[in-house]
Amino acid sequence: MIQEASLMGLLRTILIILLVWFGVKILARLFAPFLMRFVAKKAEEKFGQQFGGFQNQTQQRNTQKRNEGETVIDKMPQRNKTSNKEVGEYIDYEEID
């Protein structure tokens, strides 16, 4: 029982493939925002587990100590920076037309 390929069978197969393709595209457009929100939420939870302890402690400390209108500096700059005097000679130049 050998079956022969027909033009109608080929067109029917191409039509089914196109319908499935466009159906997947339409469904992807509908469900992509939900999928992206889900992925972002999972990434946020994972990030929160890795660095959550540090962030929660600093946020609690900052909210407890701060009063309204108060300026708070969390990190003081280092004062032991020295400039190197042996960098080179400063050359003042003028532009020539």
Protein backbone atom coordinates (compact mmCIF):
# COMPACT_ATOMS: atom_id res chain seq x y z
CA MET A 1 0.00 0.00 0.00
CA ILE A 2 2.03 2.88 -1.27
CA GLN A 3 0.38 6.26 -0.98
CA GLU A 4 1.06 9.02 -3.42
CA ALA A 5 1.60 12.60 -2.39
CA SER A 6 -1.08 14.90 -3.64
CA LEU A 7 -1.19 18.65 -4.06
CA MET A 8 -4.18 18.90 -1.70
CA GLY A 9 -2.32 17.01 1.02
CA LEU A 10 0.68 19.31 0.68
CA LEU A 11 -1.49 22.45 0.85
CA ARG A 12 -3.36 21.04 3.84
CA THR A 13 -0.08 20.36 5.67
CA ILE A 14 1.24 23.86 4.93
CA LEU A 15 -2.06 25.39 6.11
CA ILE A 16 -1.93 23.42 9.38
CA ILE A 17 1.67 24.50 9.98
CA LEU A 18 0.78 28.16 9.34
CA LEU A 19 -2.27 28.02 11.62
CA VAL A 20 -0.23 26.49 14.42
CA TRP A 21 2.52 29.09 13.91
CA PHE A 22 0.15 32.05 14.04
CA GLY A 23 -1.74 30.52 16.97
CA VAL A 24 1.49 30.23 18.96
CA LYS A 25 2.38 33.85 18.12
CA ILE A 26 -1.01 35.12 19.28
CA LEU A 27 -0.89 33.09 22.49
CA ALA A 28 2.67 34.27 23.14
CA ARG A 29 1.54 37.91 22.86
CA LEU A 30 -1.28 37.26 25.29
CA PHE A 31 0.71 35.35 27.89
CA ALA A 32 4.12 37.07 27.56
CA PRO A 33 3.38 39.80 30.15
CA PHE A 34 2.31 37.19 32.71
CA LEU A 35 5.37 35.08 31.96
CA MET A 36 7.72 38.06 32.24
CA ARG A 37 6.14 39.12 35.54
CA PHE A 38 6.55 35.58 36.88
CA VAL A 39 10.22 35.44 35.81
CA ALA A 40 10.93 38.88 37.28
CA LYS A 41 9.28 37.92 40.57
CA LYS A 42 11.33 34.71 40.79
CA ALA A 43 14.56 36.61 40.04
CA GLU A 44 13.67 39.19 42.69
CA GLU A 45 13.06 36.44 45.25
CA LYS A 46 16.35 34.77 44.40
CA PHE A 47 18.21 38.07 44.65
CA GLY A 48 16.46 38.80 47.92
CA GLN A 49 17.56 35.47 49.36
CA GLN A 50 21.19 36.13 48.46
CA PHE A 51 21.38 39.75 49.61
CA GLY A 52 18.22 40.11 51.67
CA GLY A 53 19.84 39.96 55.08
CA PHE A 54 22.11 42.91 54.39
CA GLN A 55 19.40 45.06 52.80
CA ASN A 56 16.85 44.39 55.52
CA GLN A 57 19.31 45.27 58.29
CA THR A 58 20.39 48.54 56.70
CA GLN A 59 16.81 49.56 55.93
CA GLN A 60 15.74 48.87 59.51
CA ARG A 61 18.68 50.84 60.89
CA ASN A 62 18.04 53.78 58.56
CA THR A 63 14.34 53.98 59.35
CA GLN A 64 14.97 53.81 63.10
CA LYS A 65 17.65 56.51 63.25
CA ARG A 66 16.36 59.04 60.71
CA ASN A 67 14.23 61.95 61.66
CA GLU A 68 12.35 64.06 59.14
CA GLY A 69 14.63 66.60 57.44
CA GLU A 70 17.82 65.03 58.79
CA THR A 71 20.77 64.44 56.48
CA VAL A 72 22.49 61.09 56.90
CA ILE A 73 25.86 60.13 55.40
CA ASP A 74 26.30 56.35 55.27
CA LYS A 75 29.88 56.25 54.01
CA MET A 76 32.66 58.66 54.92
CA PRO A 77 35.29 59.37 52.25
CA GLN A 78 38.83 58.15 52.81
CA ARG A 79 41.19 60.91 53.94
CA ASN A 80 44.52 59.22 53.30
CA LYS A 81 44.68 60.06 49.60
CA THR A 82 47.89 61.80 48.59
CA SER A 83 48.80 63.25 45.24
CA ASN A 84 51.94 62.23 43.44
CA LYS A 85 54.14 65.28 42.81
CA GLU A 86 56.35 63.39 40.34
CA VAL A 87 53.63 62.92 37.75
CA GLY A 88 55.09 65.27 35.20
CA GLU A 89 55.38 68.83 34.03
CA TYR A 90 52.32 70.97 33.32
CA ILE A 91 52.47 72.54 29.87
CA ASP A 92 50.28 75.53 29.06
CA TYR A 93 49.53 75.72 25.35
CA GLU A 94 47.72 78.02 22.97
CA GLU A 95 45.83 77.03 19.86
CA ILE A 96 47.51 78.27 16.65
CA ASP A 97 45.30 79.21 13.70
